[in-house]
C-alpha atoms as a PDB file:
ATOM      1  CA  MET A   1     -72.465  97.168 102.616  1.00  0.00           C
ATOM      2  CA  LYS A   2     -71.736  93.616 101.527  1.00  0.00           C
ATOM      3  CA  LYS A   3     -68.276  92.849 100.177  1.00  0.00           C
ATOM      4  CA  ASN A   4     -69.407  92.203  96.595  1.00  0.00           C
ATOM      5  CA  LEU A   5     -71.124  95.611  96.390  1.00  0.00           C
ATOM      6  CA  GLU A   6     -68.277  97.436  98.144  1.00  0.00           C
ATOM      7  CA  LEU A   7     -65.812  96.173  95.539  1.00  0.00           C
ATOM      8  CA  SER A   8     -68.092  97.077  92.625  1.00  0.00           C
ATOM      9  CA  ASP A   9     -68.918 100.457  91.092  1.00  0.00           C
ATOM     10  CA  HIS A  10     -71.869 100.858  93.490  1.00  0.00           C
ATOM     11  CA  PRO A  11     -72.472 104.575  94.128  1.00  0.00           C
ATOM     12  CA  LYS A  12     -72.477 104.126  97.940  1.00  0.00           C
ATOM     13  CA  SER A  13     -69.206 102.179  97.980  1.00  0.00           C
ATOM     14  CA  TRP A  14     -66.772 103.698 100.477  1.00  0.00           C
ATOM     15  CA  MET A  15     -63.924 102.169  98.497  1.00  0.00           C
ATOM     16  CA  ASN A  16     -64.964 104.254  95.501  1.00  0.00           C
ATOM     17  CA  LYS A  17     -65.325 107.407  97.603  1.00  0.00           C
ATOM     18  CA  ALA A  18     -61.934 107.039  99.313  1.00  0.00           C
ATOM     19  CA  LEU A  19     -58.926 108.851  97.936  1.00  0.00           C
ATOM     20  CA  ASP A  20     -56.324 106.562  96.366  1.00  0.00           C
ATOM     21  CA  ASP A  21     -53.930 107.100  99.291  1.00  0.00           C
ATOM     22  CA  GLU A  22     -56.555 107.404 102.040  1.00  0.00           C
ATOM     23  CA  LEU A  23     -56.385 104.998 104.981  1.00  0.00           C
ATOM     24  CA  ILE A  24     -59.455 102.789 105.483  1.00  0.00           C
ATOM     25  CA  PHE A  25     -60.488 100.734 108.522  1.00  0.00           C
ATOM     26  CA  VAL A  26     -62.885  97.834 107.950  1.00  0.00           C
ATOM     27  CA  LEU A  27     -65.308  96.287 110.434  1.00  0.00           C
ATOM     28  CA  LEU A  28     -66.682  92.819 109.751  1.00  0.00           C
ATOM     29  CA  ALA A  29     -69.968  91.403 111.023  1.00  0.00           C
ATOM     30  CA  ARG A  30     -67.980  88.544 112.582  1.00  0.00           C
ATOM     31  CA  ASP A  31     -66.384  91.077 114.951  1.00  0.00           C
ATOM     32  CA  TYR A  32     -68.588  91.014 118.040  1.00  0.00           C
ATOM     33  CA  SER A  33     -67.810  94.650 118.867  1.00  0.00           C
ATOM     34  CA  ALA A  34     -68.487  96.024 115.347  1.00  0.00           C
ATOM     35  CA  PRO A  35     -72.077  97.200 116.007  1.00  0.00           C
ATOM     36  CA  SER A  36     -70.987  98.955 119.214  1.00  0.00           C
ATOM     37  CA  VAL A  37     -68.107 100.662 117.423  1.00  0.00           C
ATOM     38  CA  ILE A  38     -70.474 101.889 114.703  1.00  0.00           C
ATOM     39  CA  MET A  39     -72.949 103.219 117.258  1.00  0.00           C
ATOM     40  CA  GLU A  40     -70.119 105.044 119.049  1.00  0.00           C
ATOM     41  CA  TRP A  41     -69.171 106.629 115.708  1.00  0.00           C
ATOM     42  CA  VAL A  42     -72.813 107.753 115.324  1.00  0.00           C
ATOM     43  CA  ARG A  43     -72.770 109.230 118.831  1.00  0.00           C
ATOM     44  CA  LEU A  44     -69.554 111.140 118.161  1.00  0.00           C
ATOM     45  CA  ASN A  45     -70.646 112.412 114.749  1.00  0.00           C
ATOM     46  CA  TYR A  46     -74.353 113.134 115.103  1.00  0.00           C
ATOM     47  CA  THR A  47     -73.817 116.894 114.810  1.00  0.00           C
ATOM     48  CA  THR A  48     -71.389 116.786 111.879  1.00  0.00           C
ATOM     49  CA  GLN A  49     -72.708 114.106 109.517  1.00  0.00           C
ATOM     50  CA  PRO A  50     -75.776 114.127 107.266  1.00  0.00           C
ATOM     51  CA  ILE A  51     -78.801 112.355 108.756  1.00  0.00           C
ATOM     52  CA  GLU A  52     -78.838 109.873 105.851  1.00  0.00           C
ATOM     53  CA  LYS A  53     -75.297 108.764 106.685  1.00  0.00           C
ATOM     54  CA  LEU A  54     -76.172 108.371 110.363  1.00  0.00           C
ATOM     55  CA  ILE A  55     -79.257 106.329 109.505  1.00  0.00           C
ATOM     56  CA  ASP A  56     -77.175 104.112 107.190  1.00  0.00           C
ATOM     57  CA  ALA A  57     -74.703 103.541 110.021  1.00  0.00           C
ATOM     58  CA  ILE A  58     -77.442 102.656 112.529  1.00  0.00           C
ATOM     59  CA  GLU A  59     -79.020 100.247 110.042  1.00  0.00           C
ATOM     60  CA  MET A  60     -75.626  98.664 109.369  1.00  0.00           C
ATOM     61  CA  ALA A  61     -75.032  98.165 113.097  1.00  0.00           C
ATOM     62  CA  ARG A  62     -78.449  96.515 113.406  1.00  0.00           C
ATOM     63  CA  ASP A  63     -77.847  94.266 110.384  1.00  0.00           C
ATOM     64  CA  MET A  64     -74.356  93.282 111.549  1.00  0.00           C
ATOM     65  CA  SER A  65     -75.710  92.360 114.963  1.00  0.00           C
ATOM     66  CA  ALA A  66     -78.420  90.202 113.388  1.00  0.00           C
ATOM     67  CA  GLN A  67     -75.937  88.520 111.064  1.00  0.00           C
ATOM     68  CA  TYR A  68     -73.510  87.844 113.936  1.00  0.00           C
ATOM     69  CA  SER A  69     -76.369  86.262 115.886  1.00  0.00           C
ATOM     70  CA  SER A  70     -77.186  83.862 113.047  1.00  0.00           C
ATOM     71  CA  GLU A  71     -76.001  80.313 113.756  1.00  0.00           C
ATOM     72  CA  GLU A  72     -75.659  79.665 110.004  1.00  0.00           C
ATOM     73  CA  PHE A  73     -73.380  82.697 109.633  1.00  0.00           C
ATOM     74  CA  ARG A  74     -71.184  81.678 112.566  1.00  0.00           C
ATOM     75  CA  MET A  75     -70.830  78.202 111.052  1.00  0.00           C
ATOM     76  CA  ARG A  76     -69.698  79.716 107.727  1.00  0.00           C
ATOM     77  CA  VAL A  77     -67.150  81.865 109.566  1.00  0.00           C
ATOM     78  CA  ALA A  78     -65.816  78.810 111.413  1.00  0.00           C
ATOM     79  CA  VAL A  79     -65.449  76.858 108.167  1.00  0.00           C
ATOM     80  CA  SER A  80     -63.742  79.835 106.548  1.00  0.00           C
ATOM     81  CA  LYS A  81     -61.215  80.018 109.385  1.00  0.00           C
ATOM     82  CA  GLU A  82     -60.448  76.298 109.041  1.00  0.00           C
ATOM     83  CA  GLU A  83     -59.796  76.689 105.323  1.00  0.00           C
ATOM     84  CA  ASN A  84     -57.355  79.559 105.828  1.00  0.00           C
END
């Protein structure tokens, strides 16, 4: 999910589903290994998670991989790093 939706009241927001004191680990599309990590999570959880959640994860891995591959996205990341 994109940052702006995750921080909103969107019904699929993991931030809204998490308990107030629950630990959260975030993967960003700029992390080359993020899609592989997500697919490993799918592999480890395919018998315990609802199919809709698994499909969402697979689609996210695909979308993150495509975004990472985008030259325009990588340029924005580079500029962002320079500004910080």
